[in-house]
Amino acid sequence: MKNIVKVLTANRLSDGIAVWYADSNGWVEQIGRARAASTKEDISALEKIAAETLAQGQHCDVVLIDAEETADGPRPLKLRERIRAEGPTITPDLGIKDLGIKDLGISDLGISDLGMKAA
């Protein structure tokens, strides 16, 4: 069974980078260092920090998210938050051109290849 915790995340307004709240270190860029809250008291403390953070005006999208506690630290449950924490789900070298397919347009693939019906 997963141990679900809450983690406080935001985006820094100065550069847009996703950051995670980590107690004495303040805001950090690595979710593995984030403070994980599992009790009502700890969650309330993070909610207070979220309100203070918004009032300071240096971060936006300050929210508590659900994460699974792992040996490497919290791991977000939702894909959106995993992408914010870990980066894109693919790397640039896995694009269609790198698979040896040359600049195909959508019409070259054929409508049936996309599981769509022609209008």
N, C-alpha and C. Protein backbone atom coordinates (compact mmCIF):
# COMPACT_ATOMS: atom_id res chain seq x y z
N MET A 1 0.83 -1.18 0.00
CA MET A 1 0.00 0.00 0.00
C MET A 1 0.88 1.26 0.00
N LYS A 2 0.52 2.22 -0.82
CA LYS A 2 1.28 3.46 -0.94
C LYS A 2 1.10 4.33 0.29
N ASN A 3 2.19 4.95 0.70
CA ASN A 3 2.13 5.93 1.78
C ASN A 3 1.97 7.30 1.13
N ILE A 4 0.75 7.84 1.13
CA ILE A 4 0.45 9.11 0.47
C ILE A 4 0.71 10.27 1.43
N VAL A 5 1.43 11.27 0.93
CA VAL A 5 1.76 12.46 1.69
C VAL A 5 1.39 13.69 0.87
N LYS A 6 1.46 14.85 1.50
CA LYS A 6 1.26 16.13 0.81
C LYS A 6 2.61 16.83 0.69
N VAL A 7 2.83 17.49 -0.44
CA VAL A 7 4.04 18.25 -0.69
C VAL A 7 3.63 19.62 -1.22
N LEU A 8 4.33 20.65 -0.80
CA LEU A 8 4.02 22.01 -1.23
C LEU A 8 4.90 22.36 -2.42
N THR A 9 4.26 22.78 -3.49
CA THR A 9 4.98 23.15 -4.71
C THR A 9 4.53 24.52 -5.18
N ALA A 10 5.37 25.14 -6.01
CA ALA A 10 5.07 26.46 -6.58
C ALA A 10 5.95 26.66 -7.80
N ASN A 11 5.75 27.78 -8.46
CA ASN A 11 6.65 28.21 -9.52
C ASN A 11 7.25 29.54 -9.10
N ARG A 12 8.56 29.64 -9.23
CA ARG A 12 9.25 30.90 -8.93
C ARG A 12 8.91 31.90 -10.02
N LEU A 13 8.52 33.09 -9.64
CA LEU A 13 8.17 34.11 -10.62
C LEU A 13 9.39 34.62 -11.39
N SER A 14 10.56 34.58 -10.79
CA SER A 14 11.76 35.11 -11.44
C SER A 14 12.17 34.32 -12.68
N ASP A 15 11.89 33.00 -12.69
CA ASP A 15 12.31 32.19 -13.84
C ASP A 15 11.30 31.12 -14.24
N GLY A 16 10.19 30.97 -13.49
CA GLY A 16 9.16 30.00 -13.83
C GLY A 16 9.45 28.57 -13.41
N ILE A 17 10.59 28.33 -12.80
CA ILE A 17 11.00 26.98 -12.42
C ILE A 17 10.08 26.44 -11.31
N ALA A 18 9.72 25.15 -11.43
CA ALA A 18 8.95 24.48 -10.38
C ALA A 18 9.87 24.28 -9.18
N VAL A 19 9.35 24.63 -8.01
CA VAL A 19 10.11 24.48 -6.77
C VAL A 19 9.26 23.77 -5.73
N TRP A 20 9.92 23.25 -4.70
CA TRP A 20 9.29 22.44 -3.67
C TRP A 20 9.75 22.97 -2.33
N TYR A 21 8.85 23.01 -1.36
CA TYR A 21 9.21 23.55 -0.05
C TYR A 21 9.94 22.49 0.77
N ALA A 22 11.09 22.90 1.33
CA ALA A 22 11.95 21.96 2.08
C ALA A 22 12.42 22.56 3.40
N ASP A 23 11.51 22.82 4.31
CA ASP A 23 11.83 23.30 5.66
C ASP A 23 12.97 24.32 5.70
N SER A 24 14.10 23.94 6.33
CA SER A 24 15.18 24.89 6.58
C SER A 24 15.83 25.41 5.30
N ASN A 25 15.70 24.68 4.22
CA ASN A 25 16.28 25.12 2.94
C ASN A 25 15.34 26.03 2.15
N GLY A 26 14.14 26.25 2.66
CA GLY A 26 13.17 27.06 1.92
C GLY A 26 12.71 26.32 0.68
N TRP A 27 12.75 27.00 -0.45
CA TRP A 27 12.30 26.42 -1.72
C TRP A 27 13.48 25.83 -2.47
N VAL A 28 13.34 24.57 -2.91
CA VAL A 28 14.40 23.87 -3.64
C VAL A 28 13.85 23.37 -4.97
N GLU A 29 14.74 23.07 -5.91
CA GLU A 29 14.34 22.61 -7.23
C GLU A 29 14.21 21.09 -7.33
N GLN A 30 14.62 20.37 -6.30
CA GLN A 30 14.58 18.91 -6.31
C GLN A 30 13.47 18.42 -5.38
N ILE A 31 12.50 17.72 -5.94
CA ILE A 31 11.38 17.23 -5.13
C ILE A 31 11.85 16.22 -4.07
N GLY A 32 12.93 15.52 -4.32
CA GLY A 32 13.44 14.56 -3.35
C GLY A 32 13.82 15.18 -2.02
N ARG A 33 14.06 16.49 -2.01
CA ARG A 33 14.42 17.21 -0.79
C ARG A 33 13.22 17.89 -0.14
N ALA A 34 12.04 17.74 -0.74
CA ALA A 34 10.84 18.43 -0.25
C ALA A 34 10.35 17.86 1.07
N ARG A 35 9.72 18.72 1.83
CA ARG A 35 9.09 18.31 3.09
C ARG A 35 7.79 17.56 2.77
N ALA A 36 7.66 16.36 3.29
CA ALA A 36 6.45 15.56 3.09
C ALA A 36 5.60 15.61 4.35
N ALA A 37 4.34 15.95 4.20
CA ALA A 37 3.42 16.06 5.34
C ALA A 37 2.40 14.94 5.30
N SER A 38 2.25 14.27 6.44
CA SER A 38 1.28 13.18 6.49
C SER A 38 0.25 13.35 7.60
N THR A 39 0.49 14.25 8.53
CA THR A 39 -0.46 14.47 9.62
C THR A 39 -1.23 15.77 9.37
N LYS A 40 -2.38 15.89 10.02
CA LYS A 40 -3.19 17.12 9.88
C LYS A 40 -2.38 18.34 10.31
N GLU A 41 -1.59 18.20 11.35
CA GLU A 41 -0.79 19.32 11.84
C GLU A 41 0.26 19.74 10.82
N ASP A 42 0.95 18.76 10.24
CA ASP A 42 1.97 19.07 9.24
C ASP A 42 1.36 19.68 7.98
N ILE A 43 0.20 19.16 7.58
CA ILE A 43 -0.48 19.70 6.40
C ILE A 43 -0.93 21.14 6.67
N SER A 44 -1.46 21.40 7.87
CA SER A 44 -1.86 22.76 8.24
C SER A 44 -0.67 23.71 8.22
N ALA A 45 0.47 23.23 8.68
CA ALA A 45 1.69 24.05 8.66
C ALA A 45 2.08 24.40 7.22
N LEU A 46 1.98 23.44 6.31
CA LEU A 46 2.30 23.71 4.91
C LEU A 46 1.28 24.67 4.29
N GLU A 47 0.01 24.56 4.67
CA GLU A 47 -1.00 25.49 4.17
C GLU A 47 -0.69 26.92 4.62
N LYS A 48 -0.19 27.08 5.85
CA LYS A 48 0.19 28.40 6.35
C LYS A 48 1.38 28.95 5.57
N ILE A 49 2.34 28.08 5.30
CA ILE A 49 3.51 28.49 4.50
C ILE A 49 3.07 28.88 3.09
N ALA A 50 2.11 28.16 2.53
CA ALA A 50 1.59 28.49 1.20
C ALA A 50 0.98 29.88 1.18
N ALA A 51 0.18 30.20 2.18
CA ALA A 51 -0.45 31.52 2.27
C ALA A 51 0.60 32.62 2.42
N GLU A 52 1.60 32.38 3.25
CA GLU A 52 2.68 33.36 3.44
C GLU A 52 3.47 33.55 2.15
N THR A 53 3.71 32.46 1.46
CA THR A 53 4.45 32.52 0.20
C THR A 53 3.71 33.35 -0.84
N LEU A 54 2.41 33.13 -0.96
CA LEU A 54 1.61 33.93 -1.91
C LEU A 54 1.66 35.41 -1.56
N ALA A 55 1.59 35.72 -0.27
CA ALA A 55 1.61 37.11 0.18
C ALA A 55 2.94 37.79 -0.14
N GLN A 56 4.02 37.03 -0.17
CA GLN A 56 5.34 37.60 -0.46
C GLN A 56 5.50 37.97 -1.93
N GLY A 57 4.72 37.34 -2.81
CA GLY A 57 4.72 37.71 -4.22
C GLY A 57 5.92 37.26 -5.03
N GLN A 58 6.65 36.24 -4.59
CA GLN A 58 7.79 35.75 -5.35
C GLN A 58 7.53 34.41 -6.02
N HIS A 59 6.36 33.83 -5.75
CA HIS A 59 5.98 32.54 -6.31
C HIS A 59 4.51 32.58 -6.75
N CYS A 60 4.17 31.73 -7.72
CA CYS A 60 2.77 31.58 -8.12
C CYS A 60 2.44 30.10 -8.17
N ASP A 61 1.16 29.79 -8.35
CA ASP A 61 0.68 28.41 -8.41
C ASP A 61 1.16 27.62 -7.19
N VAL A 62 1.00 28.21 -6.02
CA VAL A 62 1.42 27.58 -4.76
C VAL A 62 0.32 26.63 -4.31
N VAL A 63 0.60 25.33 -4.37
CA VAL A 63 -0.42 24.34 -4.04
C VAL A 63 0.18 23.14 -3.32
N LEU A 64 -0.66 22.48 -2.53
CA LEU A 64 -0.31 21.19 -1.94
C LEU A 64 -0.72 20.11 -2.91
N ILE A 65 0.18 19.18 -3.17
CA ILE A 65 -0.15 18.06 -4.07
C ILE A 65 0.01 16.74 -3.34
N ASP A 66 -0.62 15.71 -3.88
CA ASP A 66 -0.48 14.36 -3.34
C ASP A 66 0.77 13.72 -3.94
N ALA A 67 1.51 13.03 -3.08
CA ALA A 67 2.71 12.33 -3.53
C ALA A 67 2.83 11.01 -2.77
N GLU A 68 3.55 10.10 -3.38
CA GLU A 68 3.85 8.83 -2.73
C GLU A 68 5.23 8.95 -2.09
N GLU A 69 5.34 8.52 -0.86
CA GLU A 69 6.63 8.55 -0.20
C GLU A 69 7.45 7.36 -0.68
N THR A 70 8.66 7.63 -1.19
CA THR A 70 9.55 6.57 -1.68
C THR A 70 10.90 6.70 -0.99
N ALA A 71 11.77 5.75 -1.24
CA ALA A 71 13.12 5.79 -0.66
C ALA A 71 13.90 7.01 -1.14
N ASP A 72 13.54 7.53 -2.33
CA ASP A 72 14.23 8.69 -2.90
C ASP A 72 13.52 10.00 -2.58
N GLY A 73 12.50 9.93 -1.76
CA GLY A 73 11.73 11.13 -1.42
C GLY A 73 10.36 11.07 -2.06
N PRO A 74 9.59 12.15 -1.92
CA PRO A 74 8.23 12.15 -2.47
C PRO A 74 8.22 12.05 -3.99
N ARG A 75 7.23 11.33 -4.52
CA ARG A 75 7.02 11.23 -5.98
C ARG A 75 5.56 11.56 -6.25
N PRO A 76 5.31 12.62 -7.04
CA PRO A 76 3.93 13.03 -7.30
C PRO A 76 3.09 11.91 -7.88
N LEU A 77 1.81 11.89 -7.50
CA LEU A 77 0.89 10.88 -8.03
C LEU A 77 0.39 11.24 -9.42
N LYS A 78 0.17 12.52 -9.67
CA LYS A 78 -0.38 12.95 -10.96
C LYS A 78 0.74 13.21 -11.98
N LEU A 79 0.47 12.83 -13.22
CA LEU A 79 1.45 12.99 -14.29
C LEU A 79 1.89 14.45 -14.44
N ARG A 80 0.96 15.38 -14.37
CA ARG A 80 1.31 16.80 -14.51
C ARG A 80 2.41 17.18 -13.52
N GLU A 81 2.25 16.75 -12.29
CA GLU A 81 3.22 17.09 -11.26
C GLU A 81 4.52 16.32 -11.42
N ARG A 82 4.44 15.10 -11.95
CA ARG A 82 5.68 14.35 -12.23
C ARG A 82 6.50 15.05 -13.30
N ILE A 83 5.82 15.56 -14.32
CA ILE A 83 6.51 16.29 -15.38
C ILE A 83 7.17 17.53 -14.81
N ARG A 84 6.46 18.24 -13.93
CA ARG A 84 7.04 19.43 -13.29
C ARG A 84 8.26 19.05 -12.46
N ALA A 85 8.23 17.88 -11.81
CA ALA A 85 9.31 17.46 -10.93
C ALA A 85 10.48 16.82 -11.69
N GLU A 86 10.17 16.04 -12.71
CA GLU A 86 11.18 15.21 -13.36
C GLU A 86 11.53 15.64 -14.78
N GLY A 87 10.72 16.51 -15.37
CA GLY A 87 10.96 16.93 -16.73
C GLY A 87 10.07 16.20 -17.71
N PRO A 88 10.26 16.46 -19.01
CA PRO A 88 9.40 15.88 -20.04
C PRO A 88 9.38 14.35 -20.01
N THR A 89 8.32 13.79 -20.55
CA THR A 89 8.18 12.33 -20.55
C THR A 89 8.98 11.68 -21.67
N ILE A 90 9.49 12.46 -22.58
CA ILE A 90 10.38 11.95 -23.63
C ILE A 90 11.59 12.86 -23.71
N THR A 91 12.62 12.40 -24.37
CA THR A 91 13.80 13.23 -24.57
C THR A 91 13.82 13.69 -26.01
N PRO A 92 14.49 14.80 -26.30
CA PRO A 92 14.49 15.33 -27.68
C PRO A 92 15.01 14.35 -28.71
N ASP A 93 15.88 13.41 -28.34
CA ASP A 93 16.43 12.47 -29.31
C ASP A 93 15.46 11.35 -29.69
N LEU A 94 14.26 11.35 -29.11
CA LEU A 94 13.29 10.32 -29.46
C LEU A 94 12.20 10.84 -30.39
N GLY A 95 12.47 11.94 -31.06
CA GLY A 95 11.50 12.50 -31.99
C GLY A 95 11.35 11.63 -33.23
N ILE A 96 10.33 11.90 -34.01
CA ILE A 96 10.01 11.09 -35.19
C ILE A 96 11.15 11.10 -36.21
N LYS A 97 11.87 12.22 -36.35
CA LYS A 97 12.97 12.30 -37.32
C LYS A 97 14.11 11.37 -36.92
N ASP A 98 14.33 11.20 -35.64
CA ASP A 98 15.41 10.35 -35.17
C ASP A 98 15.11 8.86 -35.32
N LEU A 99 13.89 8.53 -35.68
CA LEU A 99 13.53 7.14 -35.92
C LEU A 99 13.70 6.76 -37.39
N GLY A 100 14.27 7.67 -38.19
CA GLY A 100 14.52 7.40 -39.59
C GLY A 100 13.35 7.74 -40.49
N ILE A 101 12.33 8.41 -39.98
CA ILE A 101 11.18 8.79 -40.77
C ILE A 101 11.41 10.23 -41.23
N LYS A 102 11.30 10.46 -42.51
CA LYS A 102 11.59 11.78 -43.06
C LYS A 102 10.34 12.64 -43.15
N ASP A 103 10.33 13.78 -42.53
CA ASP A 103 9.33 14.85 -42.64
C ASP A 103 8.00 14.45 -43.26
N LEU A 104 7.31 13.55 -42.66
CA LEU A 104 6.00 13.14 -43.16
C LEU A 104 4.94 14.13 -42.69
N GLY A 105 4.07 14.49 -43.59
CA GLY A 105 2.93 15.31 -43.20
C GLY A 105 1.82 14.39 -42.70
N ILE A 106 0.82 14.96 -42.12
CA ILE A 106 -0.30 14.16 -41.58
C ILE A 106 -0.99 13.37 -42.69
N SER A 107 -1.07 13.94 -43.89
CA SER A 107 -1.73 13.23 -44.99
C SER A 107 -0.91 12.03 -45.45
N ASP A 108 0.41 12.07 -45.24
CA ASP A 108 1.26 10.94 -45.62
C ASP A 108 1.02 9.73 -44.72
N LEU A 109 0.57 9.96 -43.50
CA LEU A 109 0.36 8.87 -42.56
C LEU A 109 -0.94 8.13 -42.83
N GLY A 110 -1.93 8.83 -43.34
CA GLY A 110 -3.23 8.21 -43.59
C GLY A 110 -4.12 8.32 -42.38
N ILE A 111 -5.37 8.67 -42.62
CA ILE A 111 -6.33 8.87 -41.54
C ILE A 111 -6.49 7.62 -40.71
N SER A 112 -6.51 6.44 -41.32
CA SER A 112 -6.74 5.21 -40.56
C SER A 112 -5.61 4.93 -39.57
N ASP A 113 -4.40 5.43 -39.85
CA ASP A 113 -3.29 5.24 -38.93
C ASP A 113 -3.53 5.96 -37.60
N LEU A 114 -4.36 6.97 -37.60
CA LEU A 114 -4.62 7.74 -36.40
C LEU A 114 -5.88 7.30 -35.69
N GLY A 115 -6.54 6.28 -36.22
CA GLY A 115 -7.77 5.79 -35.61
C GLY A 115 -8.94 6.75 -35.78
N MET A 116 -8.87 7.57 -36.82
CA MET A 116 -9.92 8.56 -37.06
C MET A 116 -10.65 8.22 -38.35
N LYS A 117 -11.85 8.70 -38.46
CA LYS A 117 -12.63 8.49 -39.67
C LYS A 117 -12.58 9.76 -40.51
N ALA A 118 -12.52 9.59 -41.80
CA ALA A 118 -12.54 10.74 -42.71
C ALA A 118 -13.90 11.40 -42.66
N ALA A 119 -13.90 12.71 -42.78
CA ALA A 119 -15.16 13.48 -42.75
C ALA A 119 -15.87 13.40 -44.07
